[in-house]
Amino acid sequence: MFPNAMKTIPDFQAFHRWLDEQKGWSQDLKLNMILLTGEVGEVANEVRKVVWRAQLLEAEMGEEAAWEAALAEYRHDLGFELADCLAYIFKLANNAGIDLEAAYRAKMARNVQREWTAPPPGGHD
């Protein structure tokens, strides 16, 4: 199984079932949730670096340019940390027997129809 051949969410879920088997990695739901939480912390750390760098650059290049420059500097590492989170989400879905594509489609269909009295933090729940 080769990652470049994957095109759909079920492909990614199948890849992670295969990878877990090949590497002998745990399929324990609780452990993988803990590991996902650690990866989310690593994403937060990369975003912290972007914010810090943008603040340092803002005086010389302006807010928007500073933000873009800081993102460019940390985009690669941030992408890797986000990919780690996504991998654990696929693993959690596998561990719980969830078709993640179906769950995502159903939840987004609900969000399209839903009315909020005030916008929730982050745009949805």
PDB file of N, CA and C in Angstrom:
ATOM      1  N   MET A   1       0.859  -1.176   0.000  1.00  0.00           N
ATOM      2  CA  MET A   1       0.000   0.000   0.000  1.00  0.00           C
ATOM      3  C   MET A   1       0.899   1.232   0.000  1.00  0.00           C
ATOM      4  N   PHE A   2       0.643   2.148  -0.906  1.00  0.00           N
ATOM      5  CA  PHE A   2       1.484   3.333  -1.039  1.00  0.00           C
ATOM      6  C   PHE A   2       0.649   4.583  -0.852  1.00  0.00           C
ATOM      7  N   PRO A   3       1.063   5.492   0.033  1.00  0.00           N
ATOM      8  CA  PRO A   3       0.248   6.669   0.353  1.00  0.00           C
ATOM      9  C   PRO A   3      -0.164   7.514  -0.855  1.00  0.00           C
ATOM     10  N   ASN A   4       0.662   7.631  -1.891  1.00  0.00           N
ATOM     11  CA  ASN A   4       0.305   8.477  -3.030  1.00  0.00           C
ATOM     12  C   ASN A   4      -0.890   7.949  -3.810  1.00  0.00           C
ATOM     13  N   ALA A   5      -1.201   6.670  -3.669  1.00  0.00           N
ATOM     14  CA  ALA A   5      -2.337   6.088  -4.377  1.00  0.00           C
ATOM     15  C   ALA A   5      -3.669   6.369  -3.677  1.00  0.00           C
ATOM     16  N   MET A   6      -3.626   6.885  -2.452  1.00  0.00           N
ATOM     17  CA  MET A   6      -4.845   7.120  -1.681  1.00  0.00           C
ATOM     18  C   MET A   6      -5.549   8.377  -2.180  1.00  0.00           C
ATOM     19  N   LYS A   7      -6.862   8.259  -2.405  1.00  0.00           N
ATOM     20  CA  LYS A   7      -7.626   9.390  -2.929  1.00  0.00           C
ATOM     21  C   LYS A   7      -8.853   9.736  -2.094  1.00  0.00           C
ATOM     22  N   THR A   8      -9.338   8.797  -1.311  1.00  0.00           N
ATOM     23  CA  THR A   8     -10.568   9.014  -0.557  1.00  0.00           C
ATOM     24  C   THR A   8     -10.331   8.778   0.931  1.00  0.00           C
ATOM     25  N   ILE A   9     -11.256   9.240   1.739  1.00  0.00           N
ATOM     26  CA  ILE A   9     -11.157   9.000   3.176  1.00  0.00           C
ATOM     27  C   ILE A   9     -11.121   7.502   3.477  1.00  0.00           C
ATOM     28  N   PRO A  10     -11.966   6.671   2.832  1.00  0.00           N
ATOM     29  CA  PRO A  10     -11.838   5.229   3.079  1.00  0.00           C
ATOM     30  C   PRO A  10     -10.452   4.686   2.706  1.00  0.00           C
ATOM     31  N   ASP A  11      -9.825   5.236   1.671  1.00  0.00           N
ATOM     32  CA  ASP A  11      -8.456   4.828   1.328  1.00  0.00           C
ATOM     33  C   ASP A  11      -7.501   5.123   2.486  1.00  0.00           C
ATOM     34  N   PHE A  12      -7.637   6.321   3.069  1.00  0.00           N
ATOM     35  CA  PHE A  12      -6.763   6.699   4.177  1.00  0.00           C
ATOM     36  C   PHE A  12      -7.018   5.816   5.394  1.00  0.00           C
ATOM     37  N   GLN A  13      -8.288   5.527   5.661  1.00  0.00           N
ATOM     38  CA  GLN A  13      -8.594   4.646   6.787  1.00  0.00           C
ATOM     39  C   GLN A  13      -8.010   3.257   6.553  1.00  0.00           C
ATOM     40  N   ALA A  14      -8.126   2.750   5.338  1.00  0.00           N
ATOM     41  CA  ALA A  14      -7.563   1.433   5.022  1.00  0.00           C
ATOM     42  C   ALA A  14      -6.040   1.454   5.172  1.00  0.00           C
ATOM     43  N   PHE A  15      -5.417   2.521   4.710  1.00  0.00           N
ATOM     44  CA  PHE A  15      -3.968   2.644   4.851  1.00  0.00           C
ATOM     45  C   PHE A  15      -3.560   2.574   6.319  1.00  0.00           C
ATOM     46  N   HIS A  16      -4.294   3.265   7.191  1.00  0.00           N
ATOM     47  CA  HIS A  16      -3.923   3.259   8.604  1.00  0.00           C
ATOM     48  C   HIS A  16      -4.203   1.922   9.268  1.00  0.00           C
ATOM     49  N   ARG A  17      -5.193   1.173   8.810  1.00  0.00           N
ATOM     50  CA  ARG A  17      -5.373  -0.196   9.317  1.00  0.00           C
ATOM     51  C   ARG A  17      -4.160  -1.040   8.920  1.00  0.00           C
ATOM     52  N   TRP A  18      -3.751  -0.909   7.654  1.00  0.00           N
ATOM     53  CA  TRP A  18      -2.593  -1.647   7.149  1.00  0.00           C
ATOM     54  C   TRP A  18      -1.317  -1.242   7.895  1.00  0.00           C
ATOM     55  N   LEU A  19      -1.090   0.068   8.051  1.00  0.00           N
ATOM     56  CA  LEU A  19       0.118   0.556   8.705  1.00  0.00           C
ATOM     57  C   LEU A  19       0.181   0.094  10.159  1.00  0.00           C
ATOM     58  N   ASP A  20      -0.938   0.158  10.867  1.00  0.00           N
ATOM     59  CA  ASP A  20      -0.967  -0.315  12.252  1.00  0.00           C
ATOM     60  C   ASP A  20      -0.572  -1.783  12.317  1.00  0.00           C
ATOM     61  N   GLU A  21      -1.091  -2.571  11.380  1.00  0.00           N
ATOM     62  CA  GLU A  21      -0.770  -4.001  11.346  1.00  0.00           C
ATOM     63  C   GLU A  21       0.712  -4.211  11.037  1.00  0.00           C
ATOM     64  N   GLN A  22       1.221  -3.506  10.040  1.00  0.00           N
ATOM     65  CA  GLN A  22       2.622  -3.647   9.643  1.00  0.00           C
ATOM     66  C   GLN A  22       3.590  -3.252  10.751  1.00  0.00           C
ATOM     67  N   LYS A  23       3.279  -2.197  11.464  1.00  0.00           N
ATOM     68  CA  LYS A  23       4.178  -1.667  12.489  1.00  0.00           C
ATOM     69  C   LYS A  23       3.893  -2.226  13.877  1.00  0.00           C
ATOM     70  N   GLY A  24       2.788  -2.949  14.016  1.00  0.00           N
ATOM     71  CA  GLY A  24       2.420  -3.481  15.320  1.00  0.00           C
ATOM     72  C   GLY A  24       1.971  -2.405  16.300  1.00  0.00           C
ATOM     73  N   TRP A  25       1.417  -1.328  15.757  1.00  0.00           N
ATOM     74  CA  TRP A  25       0.997  -0.208  16.592  1.00  0.00           C
ATOM     75  C   TRP A  25      -0.340  -0.509  17.264  1.00  0.00           C
ATOM     76  N   SER A  26      -0.522   0.075  18.410  1.00  0.00           N
ATOM     77  CA  SER A  26      -1.712  -0.150  19.213  1.00  0.00           C
ATOM     78  C   SER A  26      -2.964   0.354  18.507  1.00  0.00           C
ATOM     79  N   GLN A  27      -4.030  -0.393  18.698  1.00  0.00           N
ATOM     80  CA  GLN A  27      -5.327   0.022  18.192  1.00  0.00           C
ATOM     81  C   GLN A  27      -6.250   0.394  19.352  1.00  0.00           C
ATOM     82  N   ASP A  28      -5.650   0.599  20.509  1.00  0.00           N
ATOM     83  CA  ASP A  28      -6.414   0.967  21.691  1.00  0.00           C
ATOM     84  C   ASP A  28      -6.971   2.381  21.546  1.00  0.00           C
ATOM     85  N   LEU A  29      -8.271   2.513  21.663  1.00  0.00           N
ATOM     86  CA  LEU A  29      -8.949   3.790  21.482  1.00  0.00           C
ATOM     87  C   LEU A  29      -8.448   4.848  22.471  1.00  0.00           C
ATOM     88  N   LYS A  30      -8.336   4.472  23.734  1.00  0.00           N
ATOM     89  CA  LYS A  30      -7.901   5.444  24.753  1.00  0.00           C
ATOM     90  C   LYS A  30      -6.470   5.912  24.509  1.00  0.00           C
ATOM     91  N   LEU A  31      -5.571   4.981  24.217  1.00  0.00           N
ATOM     92  CA  LEU A  31      -4.181   5.356  23.969  1.00  0.00           C
ATOM     93  C   LEU A  31      -4.078   6.271  22.753  1.00  0.00           C
ATOM     94  N   ASN A  32      -4.781   5.947  21.690  1.00  0.00           N
ATOM     95  CA  ASN A  32      -4.714   6.776  20.484  1.00  0.00           C
ATOM     96  C   ASN A  32      -5.341   8.151  20.704  1.00  0.00           C
ATOM     97  N   MET A  33      -6.339   8.244  21.575  1.00  0.00           N
ATOM     98  CA  MET A  33      -6.901   9.551  21.920  1.00  0.00           C
ATOM     99  C   MET A  33      -5.868  10.387  22.674  1.00  0.00           C
ATOM    100  N   ILE A  34      -5.148   9.763  23.585  1.00  0.00           N
ATOM    101  CA  ILE A  34      -4.085  10.458  24.316  1.00  0.00           C
ATOM    102  C   ILE A  34      -3.001  10.923  23.345  1.00  0.00           C
ATOM    103  N   LEU A  35      -2.630  10.066  22.412  1.00  0.00           N
ATOM    104  CA  LEU A  35      -1.601  10.430  21.432  1.00  0.00           C
ATOM    105  C   LEU A  35      -2.077  11.563  20.518  1.00  0.00           C
ATOM    106  N   LEU A  36      -3.357  11.544  20.129  1.00  0.00           N
ATOM    107  CA  LEU A  36      -3.912  12.641  19.333  1.00  0.00           C
ATOM    108  C   LEU A  36      -3.832  13.954  20.112  1.00  0.00           C
ATOM    109  N   THR A  37      -4.171  13.904  21.380  1.00  0.00           N
ATOM    110  CA  THR A  37      -4.118  15.106  22.206  1.00  0.00           C
ATOM    111  C   THR A  37      -2.706  15.679  22.239  1.00  0.00           C
ATOM    112  N   GLY A  38      -1.712  14.819  22.323  1.00  0.00           N
ATOM    113  CA  GLY A  38      -0.323  15.272  22.286  1.00  0.00           C
ATOM    114  C   GLY A  38       0.008  15.942  20.966  1.00  0.00           C
ATOM    115  N   GLU A  39      -0.494  15.382  19.867  1.00  0.00           N
ATOM    116  CA  GLU A  39      -0.250  15.971  18.547  1.00  0.00           C
ATOM    117  C   GLU A  39      -0.948  17.323  18.411  1.00  0.00           C
ATOM    118  N   VAL A  40      -2.146  17.463  18.975  1.00  0.00           N
ATOM    119  CA  VAL A  40      -2.833  18.757  18.946  1.00  0.00           C
ATOM    120  C   VAL A  40      -1.990  19.791  19.687  1.00  0.00           C
ATOM    121  N   GLY A  41      -1.359  19.381  20.780  1.00  0.00           N
ATOM    122  CA  GLY A  41      -0.451  20.273  21.488  1.00  0.00           C
ATOM    123  C   GLY A  41       0.717  20.689  20.616  1.00  0.00           C
ATOM    124  N   GLU A  42       1.221  19.776  19.793  1.00  0.00           N
ATOM    125  CA  GLU A  42       2.318  20.119  18.887  1.00  0.00           C
ATOM    126  C   GLU A  42       1.850  21.093  17.807  1.00  0.00           C
ATOM    127  N   VAL A  43       0.609  20.965  17.339  1.00  0.00           N
ATOM    128  CA  VAL A  43       0.055  21.947  16.399  1.00  0.00           C
ATOM    129  C   VAL A  43       0.005  23.314  17.076  1.00  0.00           C
ATOM    130  N   ALA A  44      -0.480  23.338  18.315  1.00  0.00           N
ATOM    131  CA  ALA A  44      -0.553  24.610  19.050  1.00  0.00           C
ATOM    132  C   ALA A  44       0.832  25.227  19.197  1.00  0.00           C
ATOM    133  N   ASN A  45       1.834  24.418  19.419  1.00  0.00           N
ATOM    134  CA  ASN A  45       3.197  24.930  19.550  1.00  0.00           C
ATOM    135  C   ASN A  45       3.680  25.546  18.237  1.00  0.00           C
ATOM    136  N   GLU A  46       3.369  24.924  17.109  1.00  0.00           N
ATOM    137  CA  GLU A  46       3.757  25.488  15.810  1.00  0.00           C
ATOM    138  C   GLU A  46       3.015  26.800  15.545  1.00  0.00           C
ATOM    139  N   VAL A  47       1.734  26.842  15.891  1.00  0.00           N
ATOM    140  CA  VAL A  47       0.967  28.090  15.713  1.00  0.00           C
ATOM    141  C   VAL A  47       1.540  29.176  16.619  1.00  0.00           C
ATOM    142  N   ARG A  48       1.932  28.810  17.832  1.00  0.00           N
ATOM    143  CA  ARG A  48       2.573  29.767  18.743  1.00  0.00           C
ATOM    144  C   ARG A  48       3.825  30.352  18.099  1.00  0.00           C
ATOM    145  N   LYS A  49       4.613  29.515  17.439  1.00  0.00           N
ATOM    146  CA  LYS A  49       5.817  29.994  16.756  1.00  0.00           C
ATOM    147  C   LYS A  49       5.464  30.977  15.641  1.00  0.00           C
ATOM    148  N   VAL A  50       4.394  30.675  14.894  1.00  0.00           N
ATOM    149  CA  VAL A  50       3.957  31.578  13.823  1.00  0.00           C
ATOM    150  C   VAL A  50       3.557  32.925  14.406  1.00  0.00           C
ATOM    151  N   VAL A  51       2.765  32.906  15.458  1.00  0.00           N
ATOM    152  CA  VAL A  51       2.299  34.149  16.083  1.00  0.00           C
ATOM    153  C   VAL A  51       3.486  34.946  16.606  1.00  0.00           C
ATOM    154  N   TRP A  52       4.395  34.291  17.290  1.00  0.00           N
ATOM    155  CA  TRP A  52       5.575  34.959  17.840  1.00  0.00           C
ATOM    156  C   TRP A  52       6.410  35.582  16.727  1.00  0.00           C
ATOM    157  N   ARG A  53       6.652  34.809  15.669  1.00  0.00           N
ATOM    158  CA  ARG A  53       7.468  35.314  14.557  1.00  0.00           C
ATOM    159  C   ARG A  53       6.770  36.481  13.866  1.00  0.00           C
ATOM    160  N   ALA A  54       5.469  36.385  13.664  1.00  0.00           N
ATOM    161  CA  ALA A  54       4.716  37.470  13.025  1.00  0.00           C
ATOM    162  C   ALA A  54       4.802  38.740  13.865  1.00  0.00           C
ATOM    163  N   GLN A  55       4.720  38.607  15.171  1.00  0.00           N
ATOM    164  CA  GLN A  55       4.827  39.780  16.040  1.00  0.00           C
ATOM    165  C   GLN A  55       6.195  40.438  15.917  1.00  0.00           C
ATOM    166  N   LEU A  56       7.245  39.633  15.788  1.00  0.00           N
ATOM    167  CA  LEU A  56       8.591  40.183  15.630  1.00  0.00           C
ATOM    168  C   LEU A  56       8.755  40.911  14.295  1.00  0.00           C
ATOM    169  N   LEU A  57       8.103  40.393  13.257  1.00  0.00           N
ATOM    170  CA  LEU A  57       8.252  40.962  11.913  1.00  0.00           C
ATOM    171  C   LEU A  57       7.307  42.125  11.631  1.00  0.00           C
ATOM    172  N   GLU A  58       6.271  42.260  12.427  1.00  0.00           N
ATOM    173  CA  GLU A  58       5.204  43.229  12.126  1.00  0.00           C
ATOM    174  C   GLU A  58       5.702  44.665  12.002  1.00  0.00           C
ATOM    175  N   ALA A  59       6.604  45.083  12.845  1.00  0.00           N
ATOM    176  CA  ALA A  59       7.078  46.474  12.815  1.00  0.00           C
ATOM    177  C   ALA A  59       7.786  46.809  11.509  1.00  0.00           C
ATOM    178  N   GLU A  60       8.491  45.840  10.942  1.00  0.00           N
ATOM    179  CA  GLU A  60       9.244  46.130   9.720  1.00  0.00           C
ATOM    180  C   GLU A  60       8.469  45.881   8.431  1.00  0.00           C
ATOM    181  N   MET A  61       7.417  45.050   8.475  1.00  0.00           N
ATOM    182  CA  MET A  61       6.727  44.736   7.217  1.00  0.00           C
ATOM    183  C   MET A  61       5.214  44.864   7.262  1.00  0.00           C
ATOM    184  N   GLY A  62       4.644  45.226   8.381  1.00  0.00           N
ATOM    185  CA  GLY A  62       3.196  45.330   8.484  1.00  0.00           C
ATOM    186  C   GLY A  62       2.575  44.011   8.889  1.00  0.00           C
ATOM    187  N   GLU A  63       1.358  44.098   9.404  1.00  0.00           N
ATOM    188  CA  GLU A  63       0.692  42.927   9.984  1.00  0.00           C
ATOM    189  C   GLU A  63       0.468  41.807   8.974  1.00  0.00           C
ATOM    190  N   GLU A  64      -0.129  42.117   7.832  1.00  0.00           N
ATOM    191  CA  GLU A  64      -0.462  41.075   6.855  1.00  0.00           C
ATOM    192  C   GLU A  64       0.786  40.404   6.280  1.00  0.00           C
ATOM    193  N   ALA A  65       1.770  41.198   5.894  1.00  0.00           N
ATOM    194  CA  ALA A  65       3.005  40.639   5.334  1.00  0.00           C
ATOM    195  C   ALA A  65       3.768  39.837   6.382  1.00  0.00           C
ATOM    196  N   ALA A  66       3.749  40.322   7.617  1.00  0.00           N
ATOM    197  CA  ALA A  66       4.429  39.609   8.698  1.00  0.00           C
ATOM    198  C   ALA A  66       3.783  38.249   8.935  1.00  0.00           C
ATOM    199  N   TRP A  67       2.458  38.229   8.919  1.00  0.00           N
ATOM    200  CA  TRP A  67       1.734  36.968   9.119  1.00  0.00           C
ATOM    201  C   TRP A  67       2.058  35.985   8.000  1.00  0.00           C
ATOM    202  N   GLU A  68       2.046  36.446   6.761  1.00  0.00           N
ATOM    203  CA  GLU A  68       2.354  35.571   5.627  1.00  0.00           C
ATOM    204  C   GLU A  68       3.790  35.063   5.688  1.00  0.00           C
ATOM    205  N   ALA A  69       4.730  35.934   6.054  1.00  0.00           N
ATOM    206  CA  ALA A  69       6.128  35.527   6.163  1.00  0.00           C
ATOM    207  C   ALA A  69       6.313  34.487   7.270  1.00  0.00           C
ATOM    208  N   ALA A  70       5.654  34.709   8.403  1.00  0.00           N
ATOM    209  CA  ALA A  70       5.758  33.766   9.517  1.00  0.00           C
ATOM    210  C   ALA A  70       5.141  32.424   9.145  1.00  0.00           C
ATOM    211  N   LEU A  71       3.991  32.451   8.500  1.00  0.00           N
ATOM    212  CA  LEU A  71       3.374  31.200   8.050  1.00  0.00           C
ATOM    213  C   LEU A  71       4.272  30.463   7.072  1.00  0.00           C
ATOM    214  N   ALA A  72       4.858  31.191   6.142  1.00  0.00           N
ATOM    215  CA  ALA A  72       5.753  30.563   5.168  1.00  0.00           C
ATOM    216  C   ALA A  72       6.923  29.876   5.873  1.00  0.00           C
ATOM    217  N   GLU A  73       7.418  30.504   6.915  1.00  0.00           N
ATOM    218  CA  GLU A  73       8.566  29.966   7.646  1.00  0.00           C
ATOM    219  C   GLU A  73       8.225  28.666   8.375  1.00  0.00           C
ATOM    220  N   TYR A  74       7.005  28.561   8.874  1.00  0.00           N
ATOM    221  CA  TYR A  74       6.623  27.409   9.698  1.00  0.00           C
ATOM    222  C   TYR A  74       5.613  26.473   9.025  1.00  0.00           C
ATOM    223  N   ARG A  75       5.223  26.758   7.807  1.00  0.00           N
ATOM    224  CA  ARG A  75       4.182  25.990   7.122  1.00  0.00           C
ATOM    225  C   ARG A  75       4.516  24.497   7.040  1.00  0.00           C
ATOM    226  N   HIS A  76       5.745  24.163   6.705  1.00  0.00           N
ATOM    227  CA  HIS A  76       6.139  22.758   6.556  1.00  0.00           C
ATOM    228  C   HIS A  76       5.934  21.988   7.866  1.00  0.00           C
ATOM    229  N   ASP A  77       6.498  22.516   8.956  1.00  0.00           N
ATOM    230  CA  ASP A  77       6.374  21.832  10.243  1.00  0.00           C
ATOM    231  C   ASP A  77       4.929  21.802  10.729  1.00  0.00           C
ATOM    232  N   LEU A  78       4.192  22.889  10.521  1.00  0.00           N
ATOM    233  CA  LEU A  78       2.783  22.916  10.891  1.00  0.00           C
ATOM    234  C   LEU A  78       2.006  21.866  10.095  1.00  0.00           C
ATOM    235  N   GLY A  79       2.316  21.749   8.822  1.00  0.00           N
ATOM    236  CA  GLY A  79       1.664  20.732   7.994  1.00  0.00           C
ATOM    237  C   GLY A  79       1.921  19.321   8.500  1.00  0.00           C
ATOM    238  N   PHE A  80       3.160  19.047   8.906  1.00  0.00           N
ATOM    239  CA  PHE A  80       3.479  17.718   9.431  1.00  0.00           C
ATOM    240  C   PHE A  80       2.713  17.435  10.720  1.00  0.00           C
ATOM    241  N   GLU A  81       2.615  18.430  11.593  1.00  0.00           N
ATOM    242  CA  GLU A  81       1.886  18.218  12.842  1.00  0.00           C
ATOM    243  C   GLU A  81       0.385  18.030  12.586  1.00  0.00           C
ATOM    244  N   LEU A  82      -0.170  18.789  11.637  1.00  0.00           N
ATOM    245  CA  LEU A  82      -1.571  18.584  11.265  1.00  0.00           C
ATOM    246  C   LEU A  82      -1.773  17.195  10.661  1.00  0.00           C
ATOM    247  N   ALA A  83      -0.804  16.742   9.867  1.00  0.00           N
ATOM    248  CA  ALA A  83      -0.888  15.397   9.283  1.00  0.00           C
ATOM    249  C   ALA A  83      -0.871  14.330  10.372  1.00  0.00           C
ATOM    250  N   ASP A  84      -0.056  14.538  11.411  1.00  0.00           N
ATOM    251  CA  ASP A  84      -0.060  13.595  12.534  1.00  0.00           C
ATOM    252  C   ASP A  84      -1.441  13.538  13.188  1.00  0.00           C
ATOM    253  N   CYS A  85      -2.072  14.705  13.364  1.00  0.00           N
ATOM    254  CA  CYS A  85      -3.432  14.740  13.945  1.00  0.00           C
ATOM    255  C   CYS A  85      -4.402  13.971  13.057  1.00  0.00           C
ATOM    256  N   LEU A  86      -4.323  14.221  11.766  1.00  0.00           N
ATOM    257  CA  LEU A  86      -5.219  13.536  10.839  1.00  0.00           C
ATOM    258  C   LEU A  86      -5.015  12.027  10.896  1.00  0.00           C
ATOM    259  N   ALA A  87      -3.766  11.598  10.984  1.00  0.00           N
ATOM    260  CA  ALA A  87      -3.486  10.164  11.082  1.00  0.00           C
ATOM    261  C   ALA A  87      -4.167   9.566  12.310  1.00  0.00           C
ATOM    262  N   TYR A  88      -4.071  10.262  13.452  1.00  0.00           N
ATOM    263  CA  TYR A  88      -4.715   9.737  14.655  1.00  0.00           C
ATOM    264  C   TYR A  88      -6.232   9.784  14.545  1.00  0.00           C
ATOM    265  N   ILE A  89      -6.788  10.740  13.841  1.00  0.00           N
ATOM    266  CA  ILE A  89      -8.234  10.769  13.632  1.00  0.00           C
ATOM    267  C   ILE A  89      -8.665   9.551  12.806  1.00  0.00           C
ATOM    268  N   PHE A  90      -7.899   9.232  11.767  1.00  0.00           N
ATOM    269  CA  PHE A  90      -8.207   8.019  10.995  1.00  0.00           C
ATOM    270  C   PHE A  90      -8.113   6.781  11.883  1.00  0.00           C
ATOM    271  N   LYS A  91      -7.070   6.728  12.714  1.00  0.00           N
ATOM    272  CA  LYS A  91      -6.903   5.581  13.608  1.00  0.00           C
ATOM    273  C   LYS A  91      -8.055   5.478  14.602  1.00  0.00           C
ATOM    274  N   LEU A  92      -8.455   6.612  15.182  1.00  0.00           N
ATOM    275  CA  LEU A  92      -9.569   6.583  16.138  1.00  0.00           C
ATOM    276  C   LEU A  92     -10.845   6.096  15.467  1.00  0.00           C
ATOM    277  N   ALA A  93     -11.094   6.596  14.252  1.00  0.00           N
ATOM    278  CA  ALA A  93     -12.279   6.142  13.521  1.00  0.00           C
ATOM    279  C   ALA A  93     -12.202   4.638  13.288  1.00  0.00           C
ATOM    280  N   ASN A  94     -11.042   4.158  12.878  1.00  0.00           N
ATOM    281  CA  ASN A  94     -10.868   2.714  12.674  1.00  0.00           C
ATOM    282  C   ASN A  94     -11.094   1.952  13.971  1.00  0.00           C
ATOM    283  N   ASN A  95     -10.481   2.440  15.062  1.00  0.00           N
ATOM    284  CA  ASN A  95     -10.588   1.753  16.354  1.00  0.00           C
ATOM    285  C   ASN A  95     -12.031   1.664  16.835  1.00  0.00           C
ATOM    286  N   ALA A  96     -12.846   2.671  16.471  1.00  0.00           N
ATOM    287  CA  ALA A  96     -14.245   2.707  16.909  1.00  0.00           C
ATOM    288  C   ALA A  96     -15.207   2.131  15.875  1.00  0.00           C
ATOM    289  N   GLY A  97     -14.688   1.679  14.727  1.00  0.00           N
ATOM    290  CA  GLY A  97     -15.551   1.111  13.693  1.00  0.00           C
ATOM    291  C   GLY A  97     -16.411   2.157  13.002  1.00  0.00           C
ATOM    292  N   ILE A  98     -15.860   3.350  12.797  1.00  0.00           N
ATOM    293  CA  ILE A  98     -16.619   4.451  12.192  1.00  0.00           C
ATOM    294  C   ILE A  98     -16.165   4.678  10.762  1.00  0.00           C
ATOM    295  N   ASP A  99     -17.135   4.769   9.860  1.00  0.00           N
ATOM    296  CA  ASP A  99     -16.874   5.197   8.484  1.00  0.00           C
ATOM    297  C   ASP A  99     -16.780   6.718   8.554  1.00  0.00           C
ATOM    298  N   LEU A 100     -15.564   7.222   8.555  1.00  0.00           N
ATOM    299  CA  LEU A 100     -15.345   8.640   8.783  1.00  0.00           C
ATOM    300  C   LEU A 100     -15.944   9.507   7.680  1.00  0.00           C
ATOM    301  N   GLU A 101     -15.899   9.033   6.454  1.00  0.00           N
ATOM    302  CA  GLU A 101     -16.489   9.820   5.360  1.00  0.00           C
ATOM    303  C   GLU A 101     -17.992   9.974   5.559  1.00  0.00           C
ATOM    304  N   ALA A 102     -18.668   8.892   5.895  1.00  0.00           N
ATOM    305  CA  ALA A 102     -20.114   8.953   6.124  1.00  0.00           C
ATOM    306  C   ALA A 102     -20.434   9.851   7.323  1.00  0.00           C
ATOM    307  N   ALA A 103     -19.638   9.723   8.391  1.00  0.00           N
ATOM    308  CA  ALA A 103     -19.866  10.552   9.575  1.00  0.00           C
ATOM    309  C   ALA A 103     -19.656  12.025   9.257  1.00  0.00           C
ATOM    310  N   TYR A 104     -18.614  12.329   8.495  1.00  0.00           N
ATOM    311  CA  TYR A 104     -18.330  13.721   8.125  1.00  0.00           C
ATOM    312  C   TYR A 104     -19.451  14.291   7.266  1.00  0.00           C
ATOM    313  N   ARG A 105     -19.878  13.545   6.258  1.00  0.00           N
ATOM    314  CA  ARG A 105     -20.956  14.022   5.383  1.00  0.00           C
ATOM    315  C   ARG A 105     -22.240  14.276   6.166  1.00  0.00           C
ATOM    316  N   ALA A 106     -22.584  13.354   7.063  1.00  0.00           N
ATOM    317  CA  ALA A 106     -23.807  13.507   7.858  1.00  0.00           C
ATOM    318  C   ALA A 106     -23.713  14.723   8.774  1.00  0.00           C
ATOM    319  N   LYS A 107     -22.569  14.917   9.410  1.00  0.00           N
ATOM    320  CA  LYS A 107     -22.408  16.046  10.324  1.00  0.00           C
ATOM    321  C   LYS A 107     -22.418  17.373   9.576  1.00  0.00           C
ATOM    322  N   MET A 108     -21.770  17.452   8.419  1.00  0.00           N
ATOM    323  CA  MET A 108     -21.754  18.708   7.664  1.00  0.00           C
ATOM    324  C   MET A 108     -23.133  19.012   7.080  1.00  0.00           C
ATOM    325  N   ALA A 109     -23.885  17.971   6.708  1.00  0.00           N
ATOM    326  CA  ALA A 109     -25.262  18.185   6.243  1.00  0.00           C
ATOM    327  C   ALA A 109     -26.097  18.780   7.369  1.00  0.00           C
ATOM    328  N   ARG A 110     -25.889  18.303   8.584  1.00  0.00           N
ATOM    329  CA  ARG A 110     -26.589  18.861   9.744  1.00  0.00           C
ATOM    330  C   ARG A 110     -26.170  20.318   9.962  1.00  0.00           C
ATOM    331  N   ASN A 111     -24.860  20.601   9.852  1.00  0.00           N
ATOM    332  CA  ASN A 111     -24.385  21.968  10.071  1.00  0.00           C
ATOM    333  C   ASN A 111     -24.930  22.942   9.036  1.00  0.00           C
ATOM    334  N   VAL A 112     -25.106  22.490   7.803  1.00  0.00           N
ATOM    335  CA  VAL A 112     -25.652  23.357   6.751  1.00  0.00           C
ATOM    336  C   VAL A 112     -27.075  23.775   7.110  1.00  0.00           C
ATOM    337  N   GLN A 113     -27.830  22.888   7.692  1.00  0.00           N
ATOM    338  CA  GLN A 113     -29.228  23.167   8.028  1.00  0.00           C
ATOM    339  C   GLN A 113     -29.392  23.852   9.383  1.00  0.00           C
ATOM    340  N   ARG A 114     -28.397  23.797  10.198  1.00  0.00           N
ATOM    341  CA  ARG A 114     -28.498  24.271  11.578  1.00  0.00           C
ATOM    342  C   ARG A 114     -28.463  25.792  11.654  1.00  0.00           C
ATOM    343  N   GLU A 115     -29.193  26.327  12.621  1.00  0.00           N
ATOM    344  CA  GLU A 115     -29.191  27.766  12.912  1.00  0.00           C
ATOM    345  C   GLU A 115     -28.608  27.953  14.305  1.00  0.00           C
ATOM    346  N   TRP A 116     -27.666  28.870  14.425  1.00  0.00           N
ATOM    347  CA  TRP A 116     -27.093  29.198  15.720  1.00  0.00           C
ATOM    348  C   TRP A 116     -27.605  30.566  16.123  1.00  0.00           C
ATOM    349  N   THR A 117     -27.893  30.731  17.405  1.00  0.00           N
ATOM    350  CA  THR A 117     -28.309  32.056  17.878  1.00  0.00           C
ATOM    351  C   THR A 117     -27.111  32.981  17.979  1.00  0.00           C
ATOM    352  N   ALA A 118     -25.964  32.446  18.239  1.00  0.00           N
ATOM    353  CA  ALA A 118     -24.699  33.203  18.225  1.00  0.00           C
ATOM    354  C   ALA A 118     -23.658  32.282  17.618  1.00  0.00           C
ATOM    355  N   PRO A 119     -22.717  32.831  16.877  1.00  0.00           N
ATOM    356  CA  PRO A 119     -21.721  31.953  16.273  1.00  0.00           C
ATOM    357  C   PRO A 119     -20.889  31.246  17.338  1.00  0.00           C
ATOM    358  N   PRO A 120     -20.760  29.927  17.227  1.00  0.00           N
ATOM    359  CA  PRO A 120     -19.934  29.206  18.191  1.00  0.00           C
ATOM    360  C   PRO A 120     -18.458  29.497  17.918  1.00  0.00           C
ATOM    361  N   PRO A 121     -17.624  29.406  18.937  1.00  0.00           N
ATOM    362  CA  PRO A 121     -16.190  29.601  18.709  1.00  0.00           C
ATOM    363  C   PRO A 121     -15.684  28.595  17.661  1.00  0.00           C
ATOM    364  N   GLY A 122     -14.946  29.078  16.687  1.00  0.00           N
ATOM    365  CA  GLY A 122     -14.383  28.194  15.680  1.00  0.00           C
ATOM    366  C   GLY A 122     -15.313  27.917  14.522  1.00  0.00           C
ATOM    367  N   GLY A 123     -16.538  28.352  14.564  1.00  0.00           N
ATOM    368  CA  GLY A 123     -17.428  28.220  13.425  1.00  0.00           C
ATOM    369  C   GLY A 123     -18.426  27.079  13.471  1.00  0.00           C
ATOM    370  N   HIS A 124     -18.159  26.021  14.247  1.00  0.00           N
ATOM    371  CA  HIS A 124     -19.119  24.907  14.310  1.00  0.00           C
ATOM    372  C   HIS A 124     -18.826  24.065  15.535  1.00  0.00           C
ATOM    373  N   ASP A 125     -19.741  23.139  15.807  1.00  0.00           N
ATOM    374  CA  ASP A 125     -19.500  22.181  16.895  1.00  0.00           C
ATOM    375  C   ASP A 125     -19.902  20.804  16.459  1.00  0.00           C
TER     376      ASP A 125
END
